[in-house]
Amino acid sequence: MHELNKALDDISSIRLQVARSTDFRGYGPATLAATGMIAMAAALAQWRWVHDPAHHLPAYLAIWVSTAAVSASLIAVEMFARTRRVHGGMADEMIRMAVEQFLPSVAAGGLMTYALAHFAPAEAWMLPGLWQVIFSLGVFSSCRFLPKPMIAAGAWYLIAGLLCISLGPARALSPWAMGVPYGVGQLMVCGVLLFRARETNEED
């Protein structure tokens, strides 16, 4: 029994190593582009209904937290279905690897949002920039199993986040401080994945 358990552990380790050396193809370009459009729609909603976000922080957070939840749900649903179709028997390992790479950033972003909103609301103007910086770290972490040009998307989010923070309290909560970075950034991710898919098809 001991030898059987050891053999199963060895097989699991080998499968995980293979997963780490394989490009992850579970993200769908169309869905990622759609999340960029959702971000722009959320910016329009904020522009229309939340005119003074600094003094209506719950409404501001409701728009953007719900936008993040909807986008993450769309990506997750397609990722699970697409990964099982594309990666076959390696699907579970590939999904686990993808989640592990991005989960720390998601957790950090959520905890930071709670801390600022409840204990330092006067500093909540920094949230858009911090969200983008943390998201860039998730992208950079995921680059090890995504196409190399994806690093450009991570750099975009990092630069956009730092620029957003540099705007200061007066403009950092502008709807376009979120809509434009995420709208453009997700379209960049979509473009990288489409280019990689075309390269893969040509190689095949």
N, C-alpha and C. Protein backbone atom coordinates (compact mmCIF):
# COMPACT_ATOMS: atom_id res chain seq x y z
N MET A 1 0.82 -1.20 0.00
CA MET A 1 0.00 0.00 0.00
C MET A 1 0.87 1.26 0.00
N HIS A 2 1.97 1.20 0.78
CA HIS A 2 2.87 2.34 0.83
C HIS A 2 3.45 2.65 -0.54
N GLU A 3 3.87 1.59 -1.24
CA GLU A 3 4.45 1.79 -2.57
C GLU A 3 3.41 2.35 -3.55
N LEU A 4 2.17 1.90 -3.42
CA LEU A 4 1.11 2.40 -4.29
C LEU A 4 0.88 3.90 -4.04
N ASN A 5 0.83 4.30 -2.76
CA ASN A 5 0.65 5.72 -2.44
C ASN A 5 1.81 6.55 -2.96
N LYS A 6 3.02 6.00 -2.84
CA LYS A 6 4.19 6.72 -3.33
C LYS A 6 4.13 6.89 -4.84
N ALA A 7 3.69 5.82 -5.53
CA ALA A 7 3.57 5.89 -6.99
C ALA A 7 2.53 6.92 -7.41
N LEU A 8 1.41 6.97 -6.68
CA LEU A 8 0.37 7.94 -7.00
C LEU A 8 0.87 9.37 -6.75
N ASP A 9 1.63 9.55 -5.67
CA ASP A 9 2.20 10.88 -5.39
C ASP A 9 3.18 11.28 -6.48
N ASP A 10 3.99 10.32 -6.96
CA ASP A 10 4.94 10.62 -8.02
C ASP A 10 4.22 11.00 -9.31
N ILE A 11 3.15 10.31 -9.62
CA ILE A 11 2.37 10.62 -10.83
C ILE A 11 1.77 12.01 -10.72
N SER A 12 1.25 12.33 -9.53
CA SER A 12 0.66 13.66 -9.31
C SER A 12 1.71 14.75 -9.48
N SER A 13 2.91 14.49 -8.96
CA SER A 13 3.99 15.48 -9.08
C SER A 13 4.40 15.67 -10.53
N ILE A 14 4.46 14.58 -11.27
CA ILE A 14 4.83 14.66 -12.68
C ILE A 14 3.79 15.44 -13.46
N ARG A 15 2.51 15.16 -13.19
CA ARG A 15 1.44 15.88 -13.89
C ARG A 15 1.50 17.37 -13.58
N LEU A 16 1.82 17.71 -12.34
CA LEU A 16 1.91 19.12 -11.96
C LEU A 16 3.09 19.79 -12.65
N GLN A 17 4.21 19.08 -12.76
CA GLN A 17 5.38 19.62 -13.46
C GLN A 17 5.07 19.85 -14.94
N VAL A 18 4.36 18.90 -15.55
CA VAL A 18 3.99 19.05 -16.95
C VAL A 18 3.06 20.26 -17.12
N ALA A 19 2.12 20.42 -16.18
CA ALA A 19 1.19 21.56 -16.24
C ALA A 19 1.94 22.87 -16.16
N ARG A 20 2.96 22.94 -15.30
CA ARG A 20 3.72 24.18 -15.14
C ARG A 20 4.54 24.53 -16.37
N SER A 21 4.84 23.54 -17.20
CA SER A 21 5.64 23.80 -18.40
C SER A 21 4.77 23.93 -19.66
N THR A 22 3.44 23.94 -19.47
CA THR A 22 2.52 24.02 -20.60
C THR A 22 1.81 25.37 -20.60
N ASP A 23 1.71 25.99 -21.77
CA ASP A 23 0.96 27.24 -21.87
C ASP A 23 -0.51 27.00 -21.53
N PHE A 24 -1.02 27.84 -20.64
CA PHE A 24 -2.42 27.72 -20.25
C PHE A 24 -3.31 28.37 -21.32
N ARG A 25 -4.28 27.60 -21.82
CA ARG A 25 -5.14 28.10 -22.89
C ARG A 25 -6.61 28.13 -22.46
N GLY A 26 -6.81 28.28 -21.16
CA GLY A 26 -8.16 28.27 -20.63
C GLY A 26 -8.86 29.62 -20.65
N TYR A 27 -8.11 30.70 -20.92
CA TYR A 27 -8.74 32.01 -20.99
C TYR A 27 -9.23 32.27 -22.40
N GLY A 28 -10.50 32.62 -22.53
CA GLY A 28 -11.07 32.90 -23.84
C GLY A 28 -10.93 34.37 -24.21
N PRO A 29 -10.36 34.69 -25.37
CA PRO A 29 -10.18 36.09 -25.77
C PRO A 29 -11.47 36.88 -25.79
N ALA A 30 -12.54 36.29 -26.30
CA ALA A 30 -13.81 37.02 -26.41
C ALA A 30 -14.35 37.40 -25.03
N THR A 31 -14.25 36.48 -24.08
CA THR A 31 -14.74 36.77 -22.73
C THR A 31 -13.92 37.86 -22.07
N LEU A 32 -12.60 37.83 -22.26
CA LEU A 32 -11.75 38.86 -21.67
C LEU A 32 -12.04 40.22 -22.30
N ALA A 33 -12.27 40.24 -23.61
CA ALA A 33 -12.65 41.49 -24.26
C ALA A 33 -13.98 42.00 -23.71
N ALA A 34 -14.90 41.06 -23.45
CA ALA A 34 -16.20 41.43 -22.89
C ALA A 34 -16.05 42.06 -21.51
N THR A 35 -15.11 41.57 -20.71
CA THR A 35 -14.92 42.17 -19.38
C THR A 35 -14.38 43.59 -19.50
N GLY A 36 -13.60 43.86 -20.54
CA GLY A 36 -13.16 45.23 -20.78
C GLY A 36 -14.33 46.14 -21.10
N MET A 37 -15.26 45.63 -21.89
CA MET A 37 -16.46 46.40 -22.23
C MET A 37 -17.34 46.60 -20.99
N ILE A 38 -17.38 45.60 -20.12
CA ILE A 38 -18.14 45.72 -18.88
C ILE A 38 -17.55 46.82 -18.00
N ALA A 39 -16.22 46.90 -17.97
CA ALA A 39 -15.57 47.97 -17.20
C ALA A 39 -15.93 49.34 -17.74
N MET A 40 -15.98 49.49 -19.06
CA MET A 40 -16.37 50.76 -19.65
C MET A 40 -17.83 51.08 -19.34
N ALA A 41 -18.69 50.07 -19.36
CA ALA A 41 -20.09 50.27 -19.02
C ALA A 41 -20.24 50.70 -17.56
N ALA A 42 -19.42 50.12 -16.67
CA ALA A 42 -19.44 50.51 -15.27
C ALA A 42 -18.99 51.95 -15.10
N ALA A 43 -17.99 52.36 -15.89
CA ALA A 43 -17.54 53.75 -15.84
C ALA A 43 -18.66 54.70 -16.26
N LEU A 44 -19.38 54.32 -17.29
CA LEU A 44 -20.52 55.14 -17.73
C LEU A 44 -21.60 55.20 -16.65
N ALA A 45 -21.83 54.08 -15.97
CA ALA A 45 -22.82 54.05 -14.89
C ALA A 45 -22.39 54.97 -13.76
N GLN A 46 -21.12 54.93 -13.41
CA GLN A 46 -20.63 55.83 -12.35
C GLN A 46 -20.77 57.29 -12.78
N TRP A 47 -20.39 57.58 -14.02
CA TRP A 47 -20.50 58.95 -14.54
C TRP A 47 -21.94 59.45 -14.50
N ARG A 48 -22.87 58.53 -14.74
CA ARG A 48 -24.28 58.93 -14.79
C ARG A 48 -24.90 59.06 -13.40
N TRP A 49 -24.55 58.18 -12.46
CA TRP A 49 -25.29 58.11 -11.21
C TRP A 49 -24.50 58.47 -9.96
N VAL A 50 -23.17 58.41 -10.02
CA VAL A 50 -22.38 58.72 -8.82
C VAL A 50 -21.49 59.92 -9.14
N HIS A 51 -22.02 61.12 -8.91
CA HIS A 51 -21.32 62.34 -9.32
C HIS A 51 -20.22 62.76 -8.34
N ASP A 52 -20.35 62.34 -7.11
CA ASP A 52 -19.35 62.71 -6.09
C ASP A 52 -18.94 61.46 -5.32
N PRO A 53 -18.14 60.60 -5.95
CA PRO A 53 -17.82 59.30 -5.32
C PRO A 53 -17.11 59.42 -3.98
N ALA A 54 -16.36 60.49 -3.76
CA ALA A 54 -15.66 60.64 -2.49
C ALA A 54 -16.64 60.72 -1.32
N HIS A 55 -17.83 61.29 -1.57
CA HIS A 55 -18.84 61.41 -0.52
C HIS A 55 -19.95 60.37 -0.66
N HIS A 56 -19.83 59.51 -1.63
CA HIS A 56 -20.78 58.41 -1.81
C HIS A 56 -20.00 57.12 -2.06
N LEU A 57 -19.09 56.84 -1.13
CA LEU A 57 -18.19 55.70 -1.30
C LEU A 57 -18.92 54.36 -1.40
N PRO A 58 -19.97 54.09 -0.62
CA PRO A 58 -20.67 52.81 -0.77
C PRO A 58 -21.22 52.59 -2.18
N ALA A 59 -21.77 53.66 -2.80
CA ALA A 59 -22.29 53.53 -4.16
C ALA A 59 -21.16 53.26 -5.14
N TYR A 60 -20.03 53.96 -4.95
CA TYR A 60 -18.86 53.75 -5.81
C TYR A 60 -18.37 52.31 -5.70
N LEU A 61 -18.24 51.83 -4.48
CA LEU A 61 -17.76 50.46 -4.27
C LEU A 61 -18.75 49.44 -4.82
N ALA A 62 -20.05 49.73 -4.69
CA ALA A 62 -21.06 48.80 -5.20
C ALA A 62 -20.90 48.61 -6.70
N ILE A 63 -20.64 49.70 -7.42
CA ILE A 63 -20.48 49.60 -8.88
C ILE A 63 -19.26 48.75 -9.23
N TRP A 64 -18.13 49.06 -8.61
CA TRP A 64 -16.90 48.42 -9.06
C TRP A 64 -16.70 47.02 -8.46
N VAL A 65 -17.17 46.79 -7.26
CA VAL A 65 -17.08 45.44 -6.70
C VAL A 65 -18.00 44.49 -7.47
N SER A 66 -19.20 44.96 -7.80
CA SER A 66 -20.11 44.12 -8.58
C SER A 66 -19.57 43.89 -9.98
N THR A 67 -18.93 44.90 -10.56
CA THR A 67 -18.30 44.74 -11.88
C THR A 67 -17.22 43.68 -11.83
N ALA A 68 -16.38 43.72 -10.79
CA ALA A 68 -15.32 42.73 -10.64
C ALA A 68 -15.91 41.33 -10.45
N ALA A 69 -16.99 41.23 -9.67
CA ALA A 69 -17.60 39.92 -9.42
C ALA A 69 -18.20 39.34 -10.69
N VAL A 70 -18.89 40.16 -11.48
CA VAL A 70 -19.48 39.69 -12.73
C VAL A 70 -18.39 39.24 -13.70
N SER A 71 -17.34 40.07 -13.83
CA SER A 71 -16.25 39.74 -14.75
C SER A 71 -15.54 38.46 -14.33
N ALA A 72 -15.26 38.33 -13.03
CA ALA A 72 -14.58 37.12 -12.55
C ALA A 72 -15.45 35.89 -12.76
N SER A 73 -16.75 36.02 -12.59
CA SER A 73 -17.65 34.88 -12.79
C SER A 73 -17.66 34.44 -14.25
N LEU A 74 -17.72 35.41 -15.17
CA LEU A 74 -17.69 35.07 -16.59
C LEU A 74 -16.40 34.36 -16.97
N ILE A 75 -15.29 34.90 -16.48
CA ILE A 75 -13.99 34.29 -16.79
C ILE A 75 -13.90 32.89 -16.21
N ALA A 76 -14.37 32.71 -14.96
CA ALA A 76 -14.28 31.40 -14.31
C ALA A 76 -15.11 30.36 -15.02
N VAL A 77 -16.34 30.71 -15.39
CA VAL A 77 -17.21 29.75 -16.07
C VAL A 77 -16.58 29.28 -17.38
N GLU A 78 -16.09 30.25 -18.17
CA GLU A 78 -15.49 29.84 -19.44
C GLU A 78 -14.18 29.10 -19.22
N MET A 79 -13.40 29.53 -18.21
CA MET A 79 -12.12 28.88 -17.96
C MET A 79 -12.30 27.40 -17.65
N PHE A 80 -13.27 27.08 -16.80
CA PHE A 80 -13.49 25.67 -16.45
C PHE A 80 -13.91 24.87 -17.68
N ALA A 81 -14.83 25.41 -18.48
CA ALA A 81 -15.31 24.69 -19.65
C ALA A 81 -14.23 24.59 -20.72
N ARG A 82 -13.54 25.69 -20.96
CA ARG A 82 -12.53 25.73 -22.02
C ARG A 82 -11.32 24.86 -21.67
N THR A 83 -10.91 24.90 -20.40
CA THR A 83 -9.74 24.12 -19.99
C THR A 83 -10.00 22.63 -20.15
N ARG A 84 -11.18 22.19 -19.80
CA ARG A 84 -11.49 20.76 -19.95
C ARG A 84 -11.54 20.35 -21.42
N ARG A 85 -11.92 21.30 -22.28
CA ARG A 85 -11.97 21.00 -23.71
C ARG A 85 -10.58 21.02 -24.34
N VAL A 86 -9.76 21.98 -23.93
CA VAL A 86 -8.46 22.18 -24.58
C VAL A 86 -7.37 21.30 -23.97
N HIS A 87 -7.36 21.20 -22.63
CA HIS A 87 -6.26 20.49 -21.95
C HIS A 87 -6.60 19.05 -21.57
N GLY A 88 -7.84 18.63 -21.78
CA GLY A 88 -8.19 17.23 -21.57
C GLY A 88 -7.88 16.73 -20.18
N GLY A 89 -7.09 15.67 -20.11
CA GLY A 89 -6.78 15.03 -18.84
C GLY A 89 -5.96 15.87 -17.89
N MET A 90 -5.34 16.95 -18.40
CA MET A 90 -4.55 17.83 -17.55
C MET A 90 -5.37 19.00 -17.04
N ALA A 91 -6.67 19.00 -17.27
CA ALA A 91 -7.51 20.16 -16.96
C ALA A 91 -7.45 20.54 -15.48
N ASP A 92 -7.56 19.56 -14.59
CA ASP A 92 -7.60 19.87 -13.16
C ASP A 92 -6.30 20.54 -12.72
N GLU A 93 -5.16 20.02 -13.18
CA GLU A 93 -3.88 20.61 -12.80
C GLU A 93 -3.73 22.02 -13.37
N MET A 94 -4.19 22.23 -14.61
CA MET A 94 -4.07 23.54 -15.23
C MET A 94 -4.95 24.57 -14.52
N ILE A 95 -6.17 24.17 -14.17
CA ILE A 95 -7.06 25.08 -13.46
C ILE A 95 -6.49 25.42 -12.09
N ARG A 96 -6.01 24.41 -11.40
CA ARG A 96 -5.43 24.64 -10.07
C ARG A 96 -4.26 25.62 -10.16
N MET A 97 -3.41 25.46 -11.16
CA MET A 97 -2.26 26.33 -11.33
C MET A 97 -2.70 27.77 -11.61
N ALA A 98 -3.69 27.93 -12.49
CA ALA A 98 -4.17 29.27 -12.83
C ALA A 98 -4.76 29.97 -11.62
N VAL A 99 -5.56 29.24 -10.84
CA VAL A 99 -6.20 29.82 -9.65
C VAL A 99 -5.14 30.20 -8.62
N GLU A 100 -4.16 29.33 -8.42
CA GLU A 100 -3.12 29.59 -7.43
C GLU A 100 -2.31 30.83 -7.77
N GLN A 101 -2.13 31.11 -9.04
CA GLN A 101 -1.34 32.27 -9.44
C GLN A 101 -2.07 33.58 -9.16
N PHE A 102 -3.38 33.59 -9.37
CA PHE A 102 -4.13 34.84 -9.25
C PHE A 102 -4.80 35.03 -7.90
N LEU A 103 -5.02 33.94 -7.16
CA LEU A 103 -5.78 34.03 -5.92
C LEU A 103 -5.16 34.97 -4.88
N PRO A 104 -3.83 34.98 -4.68
CA PRO A 104 -3.27 35.92 -3.70
C PRO A 104 -3.58 37.37 -4.02
N SER A 105 -3.55 37.74 -5.30
CA SER A 105 -3.87 39.12 -5.68
C SER A 105 -5.33 39.44 -5.38
N VAL A 106 -6.22 38.50 -5.69
CA VAL A 106 -7.65 38.72 -5.42
C VAL A 106 -7.89 38.89 -3.93
N ALA A 107 -7.27 38.03 -3.12
CA ALA A 107 -7.44 38.11 -1.68
C ALA A 107 -6.87 39.42 -1.13
N ALA A 108 -5.69 39.80 -1.61
CA ALA A 108 -5.08 41.06 -1.14
C ALA A 108 -5.95 42.25 -1.51
N GLY A 109 -6.48 42.26 -2.73
CA GLY A 109 -7.33 43.36 -3.16
C GLY A 109 -8.60 43.46 -2.34
N GLY A 110 -9.21 42.33 -2.04
CA GLY A 110 -10.43 42.33 -1.24
C GLY A 110 -10.20 42.80 0.18
N LEU A 111 -9.14 42.31 0.82
CA LEU A 111 -8.84 42.71 2.19
C LEU A 111 -8.45 44.18 2.27
N MET A 112 -7.68 44.65 1.28
CA MET A 112 -7.28 46.05 1.26
C MET A 112 -8.50 46.96 1.10
N THR A 113 -9.44 46.55 0.24
CA THR A 113 -10.66 47.34 0.03
C THR A 113 -11.45 47.43 1.33
N TYR A 114 -11.60 46.32 2.01
CA TYR A 114 -12.33 46.31 3.28
C TYR A 114 -11.65 47.22 4.30
N ALA A 115 -10.32 47.12 4.40
CA ALA A 115 -9.59 47.90 5.39
C ALA A 115 -9.73 49.40 5.14
N LEU A 116 -9.54 49.83 3.90
CA LEU A 116 -9.63 51.25 3.60
C LEU A 116 -11.06 51.77 3.76
N ALA A 117 -12.03 51.01 3.25
CA ALA A 117 -13.42 51.47 3.29
C ALA A 117 -13.94 51.57 4.72
N HIS A 118 -13.51 50.69 5.62
CA HIS A 118 -14.06 50.67 6.97
C HIS A 118 -13.21 51.43 7.99
N PHE A 119 -11.90 51.48 7.79
CA PHE A 119 -11.04 52.07 8.82
C PHE A 119 -10.34 53.35 8.36
N ALA A 120 -10.27 53.58 7.05
CA ALA A 120 -9.61 54.81 6.57
C ALA A 120 -10.31 55.32 5.32
N PRO A 121 -11.62 55.61 5.42
CA PRO A 121 -12.37 56.03 4.22
C PRO A 121 -11.83 57.30 3.58
N ALA A 122 -11.15 58.14 4.35
CA ALA A 122 -10.58 59.36 3.77
C ALA A 122 -9.47 59.05 2.77
N GLU A 123 -8.89 57.86 2.89
CA GLU A 123 -7.81 57.47 1.97
C GLU A 123 -8.32 56.55 0.86
N ALA A 124 -9.63 56.35 0.77
CA ALA A 124 -10.18 55.43 -0.23
C ALA A 124 -9.97 55.91 -1.66
N TRP A 125 -9.58 57.17 -1.83
CA TRP A 125 -9.30 57.66 -3.19
C TRP A 125 -8.16 56.88 -3.84
N MET A 126 -7.35 56.22 -3.03
CA MET A 126 -6.23 55.44 -3.58
C MET A 126 -6.66 54.09 -4.13
N LEU A 127 -7.90 53.68 -3.86
CA LEU A 127 -8.33 52.34 -4.25
C LEU A 127 -8.16 52.03 -5.73
N PRO A 128 -8.61 52.89 -6.66
CA PRO A 128 -8.45 52.54 -8.09
C PRO A 128 -7.01 52.24 -8.47
N GLY A 129 -6.08 53.09 -8.03
CA GLY A 129 -4.68 52.85 -8.35
C GLY A 129 -4.15 51.58 -7.71
N LEU A 130 -4.51 51.35 -6.45
CA LEU A 130 -4.04 50.15 -5.76
C LEU A 130 -4.63 48.90 -6.38
N TRP A 131 -5.91 48.96 -6.77
CA TRP A 131 -6.52 47.81 -7.46
C TRP A 131 -5.72 47.44 -8.71
N GLN A 132 -5.37 48.46 -9.48
CA GLN A 132 -4.65 48.21 -10.74
C GLN A 132 -3.25 47.68 -10.50
N VAL A 133 -2.57 48.21 -9.47
CA VAL A 133 -1.23 47.71 -9.15
C VAL A 133 -1.31 46.25 -8.71
N ILE A 134 -2.27 45.92 -7.84
CA ILE A 134 -2.41 44.54 -7.38
C ILE A 134 -2.79 43.62 -8.54
N PHE A 135 -3.67 44.10 -9.43
CA PHE A 135 -4.05 43.30 -10.59
C PHE A 135 -2.83 43.04 -11.48
N SER A 136 -1.96 44.04 -11.61
CA SER A 136 -0.75 43.85 -12.42
C SER A 136 0.13 42.75 -11.82
N LEU A 137 0.19 42.67 -10.50
CA LEU A 137 0.98 41.61 -9.87
C LEU A 137 0.41 40.24 -10.19
N GLY A 138 -0.93 40.14 -10.23
CA GLY A 138 -1.56 38.88 -10.63
C GLY A 138 -1.22 38.50 -12.06
N VAL A 139 -1.22 39.52 -12.94
CA VAL A 139 -0.86 39.26 -14.35
C VAL A 139 0.59 38.82 -14.45
N PHE A 140 1.49 39.54 -13.76
CA PHE A 140 2.90 39.16 -13.81
C PHE A 140 3.12 37.75 -13.28
N SER A 141 2.41 37.40 -12.20
CA SER A 141 2.55 36.07 -11.62
C SER A 141 2.08 35.00 -12.60
N SER A 142 1.06 35.32 -13.39
CA SER A 142 0.50 34.35 -14.34
C SER A 142 1.30 34.25 -15.62
N CYS A 143 2.24 35.18 -15.84
CA CYS A 143 2.98 35.20 -17.11
C CYS A 143 3.82 33.95 -17.32
N ARG A 144 4.11 33.23 -16.25
CA ARG A 144 4.97 32.04 -16.38
C ARG A 144 4.31 30.94 -17.20
N PHE A 145 2.97 30.94 -17.29
CA PHE A 145 2.30 29.92 -18.09
C PHE A 145 1.39 30.53 -19.16
N LEU A 146 1.59 31.83 -19.44
CA LEU A 146 0.86 32.51 -20.50
C LEU A 146 1.86 32.99 -21.55
N PRO A 147 1.40 33.40 -22.73
CA PRO A 147 2.33 33.90 -23.75
C PRO A 147 3.19 35.04 -23.21
N LYS A 148 4.45 35.07 -23.59
CA LYS A 148 5.39 36.06 -23.06
C LYS A 148 4.93 37.51 -23.25
N PRO A 149 4.30 37.87 -24.39
CA PRO A 149 3.85 39.26 -24.55
C PRO A 149 2.84 39.71 -23.50
N MET A 150 2.30 38.77 -22.71
CA MET A 150 1.34 39.14 -21.68
C MET A 150 1.97 40.06 -20.65
N ILE A 151 3.29 40.08 -20.59
CA ILE A 151 3.97 40.97 -19.65
C ILE A 151 3.66 42.44 -19.96
N ALA A 152 3.35 42.73 -21.22
CA ALA A 152 2.99 44.10 -21.60
C ALA A 152 1.69 44.52 -20.93
N ALA A 153 0.74 43.59 -20.81
CA ALA A 153 -0.52 43.90 -20.13
C ALA A 153 -0.27 44.16 -18.65
N GLY A 154 0.61 43.36 -18.04
CA GLY A 154 0.96 43.60 -16.64
C GLY A 154 1.59 44.97 -16.45
N ALA A 155 2.49 45.34 -17.38
CA ALA A 155 3.13 46.65 -17.30
C ALA A 155 2.11 47.77 -17.47
N TRP A 156 1.13 47.57 -18.36
CA TRP A 156 0.07 48.56 -18.55
C TRP A 156 -0.69 48.81 -17.25
N TYR A 157 -1.10 47.74 -16.60
CA TYR A 157 -1.86 47.90 -15.35
C TYR A 157 -1.01 48.55 -14.26
N LEU A 158 0.26 48.19 -14.20
CA LEU A 158 1.14 48.78 -13.19
C LEU A 158 1.30 50.29 -13.42
N ILE A 159 1.59 50.66 -14.67
CA ILE A 159 1.79 52.08 -14.98
C ILE A 159 0.49 52.86 -14.77
N ALA A 160 -0.63 52.28 -15.22
CA ALA A 160 -1.93 52.95 -15.04
C ALA A 160 -2.26 53.13 -13.57
N GLY A 161 -1.96 52.14 -12.75
CA GLY A 161 -2.23 52.25 -11.33
C GLY A 161 -1.39 53.33 -10.67
N LEU A 162 -0.12 53.38 -11.00
CA LEU A 162 0.75 54.41 -10.43
C LEU A 162 0.33 55.80 -10.89
N LEU A 163 -0.06 55.91 -12.16
CA LEU A 163 -0.54 57.19 -12.67
C LEU A 163 -1.82 57.61 -11.94
N CYS A 164 -2.70 56.66 -11.71
CA CYS A 164 -3.95 56.95 -11.02
C CYS A 164 -3.67 57.48 -9.61
N ILE A 165 -2.75 56.87 -8.90
CA ILE A 165 -2.40 57.34 -7.56
C ILE A 165 -1.80 58.73 -7.63
N SER A 166 -0.98 58.99 -8.66
CA SER A 166 -0.34 60.30 -8.79
C SER A 166 -1.34 61.42 -9.07
N LEU A 167 -2.56 61.08 -9.53
CA LEU A 167 -3.56 62.11 -9.78
C LEU A 167 -4.04 62.76 -8.50
N GLY A 168 -3.90 62.07 -7.39
CA GLY A 168 -4.32 62.62 -6.11
C GLY A 168 -5.80 62.48 -5.86
N PRO A 169 -6.26 62.93 -4.69
CA PRO A 169 -7.66 62.72 -4.29
C PRO A 169 -8.68 63.35 -5.23
N ALA A 170 -8.33 64.43 -5.90
CA ALA A 170 -9.32 65.17 -6.68
C ALA A 170 -9.82 64.39 -7.89
N ARG A 171 -8.94 63.60 -8.52
CA ARG A 171 -9.32 62.94 -9.78
C ARG A 171 -9.21 61.43 -9.75
N ALA A 172 -8.68 60.86 -8.69
CA ALA A 172 -8.43 59.41 -8.67
C ALA A 172 -9.71 58.60 -8.72
N LEU A 173 -10.82 59.15 -8.24
CA LEU A 173 -12.09 58.41 -8.24
C LEU A 173 -12.93 58.70 -9.48
N SER A 174 -12.34 59.35 -10.46
CA SER A 174 -13.04 59.56 -11.73
C SER A 174 -13.44 58.22 -12.34
N PRO A 175 -14.60 58.14 -12.99
CA PRO A 175 -15.00 56.85 -13.61
C PRO A 175 -13.99 56.38 -14.64
N TRP A 176 -13.32 57.33 -15.30
CA TRP A 176 -12.39 56.95 -16.37
C TRP A 176 -11.07 56.44 -15.82
N ALA A 177 -10.80 56.71 -14.53
CA ALA A 177 -9.60 56.18 -13.89
C ALA A 177 -9.68 54.67 -13.72
N MET A 178 -10.89 54.13 -13.80
CA MET A 178 -11.07 52.68 -13.78
C MET A 178 -11.46 52.15 -15.16
N GLY A 179 -12.39 52.83 -15.81
CA GLY A 179 -12.91 52.33 -17.09
C GLY A 179 -11.85 52.23 -18.16
N VAL A 180 -11.03 53.26 -18.31
CA VAL A 180 -10.02 53.25 -19.38
C VAL A 180 -8.92 52.21 -19.13
N PRO A 181 -8.29 52.18 -17.93
CA PRO A 181 -7.25 51.17 -17.71
C PRO A 181 -7.73 49.73 -17.90
N TYR A 182 -8.91 49.41 -17.36
CA TYR A 182 -9.39 48.03 -17.48
C TYR A 182 -9.95 47.76 -18.88
N GLY A 183 -10.58 48.76 -19.48
CA GLY A 183 -11.07 48.57 -20.84
C GLY A 183 -9.94 48.29 -21.81
N VAL A 184 -8.91 49.14 -21.76
CA VAL A 184 -7.76 48.96 -22.65
C VAL A 184 -6.96 47.72 -22.27
N GLY A 185 -6.76 47.51 -20.97
CA GLY A 185 -5.94 46.39 -20.51
C GLY A 185 -6.52 45.04 -20.91
N GLN A 186 -7.82 44.87 -20.75
CA GLN A 186 -8.44 43.60 -21.12
C GLN A 186 -8.43 43.38 -22.63
N LEU A 187 -8.53 44.46 -23.40
CA LEU A 187 -8.40 44.32 -24.85
C LEU A 187 -6.97 43.94 -25.24
N MET A 188 -5.98 44.44 -24.49
CA MET A 188 -4.60 44.02 -24.73
C MET A 188 -4.43 42.53 -24.47
N VAL A 189 -5.00 42.07 -23.36
CA VAL A 189 -4.93 40.63 -23.03
C VAL A 189 -5.59 39.81 -24.13
N CYS A 190 -6.75 40.28 -24.58
CA CYS A 190 -7.46 39.60 -25.67
C CYS A 190 -6.59 39.51 -26.91
N GLY A 191 -5.92 40.63 -27.27
CA GLY A 191 -5.07 40.65 -28.44
C GLY A 191 -3.91 39.67 -28.34
N VAL A 192 -3.28 39.61 -27.17
CA VAL A 192 -2.17 38.67 -26.96
C VAL A 192 -2.63 37.23 -27.14
N LEU A 193 -3.79 36.89 -26.57
CA LEU A 193 -4.30 35.53 -26.67
C LEU A 193 -4.69 35.17 -28.11
N LEU A 194 -5.28 36.13 -28.81
CA LEU A 194 -5.64 35.88 -30.21
C LEU A 194 -4.39 35.66 -31.05
N PHE A 195 -3.36 36.47 -30.82
CA PHE A 195 -2.10 36.32 -31.58
C PHE A 195 -1.46 34.97 -31.29
N ARG A 196 -1.50 34.56 -30.02
CA ARG A 196 -0.92 33.27 -29.64
C ARG A 196 -1.71 32.12 -30.27
N ALA A 197 -3.03 32.25 -30.28
CA ALA A 197 -3.87 31.20 -30.88
C ALA A 197 -3.58 31.07 -32.37
N ARG A 198 -3.38 32.19 -33.05
CA ARG A 198 -3.06 32.15 -34.47
C ARG A 198 -1.71 31.48 -34.70
N GLU A 199 -0.73 31.80 -33.86
CA GLU A 199 0.58 31.18 -33.98
C GLU A 199 0.49 29.66 -33.77
N THR A 200 -0.32 29.26 -32.78
CA THR A 200 -0.47 27.83 -32.49
C THR A 200 -1.12 27.10 -33.66
N ASN A 201 -2.12 27.73 -34.25
CA ASN A 201 -2.80 27.12 -35.40
C ASN A 201 -1.86 26.99 -36.59
N GLU A 202 -1.00 28.00 -36.79
CA GLU A 202 -0.06 27.94 -37.90
C GLU A 202 0.97 26.84 -37.68
N GLU A 203 1.41 26.69 -36.40
CA GLU A 203 2.36 25.62 -36.10
C GLU A 203 1.75 24.25 -36.32
N ASP A 204 0.44 24.12 -35.91
CA ASP A 204 -0.23 22.83 -36.11
C ASP A 204 -0.38 22.53 -37.60
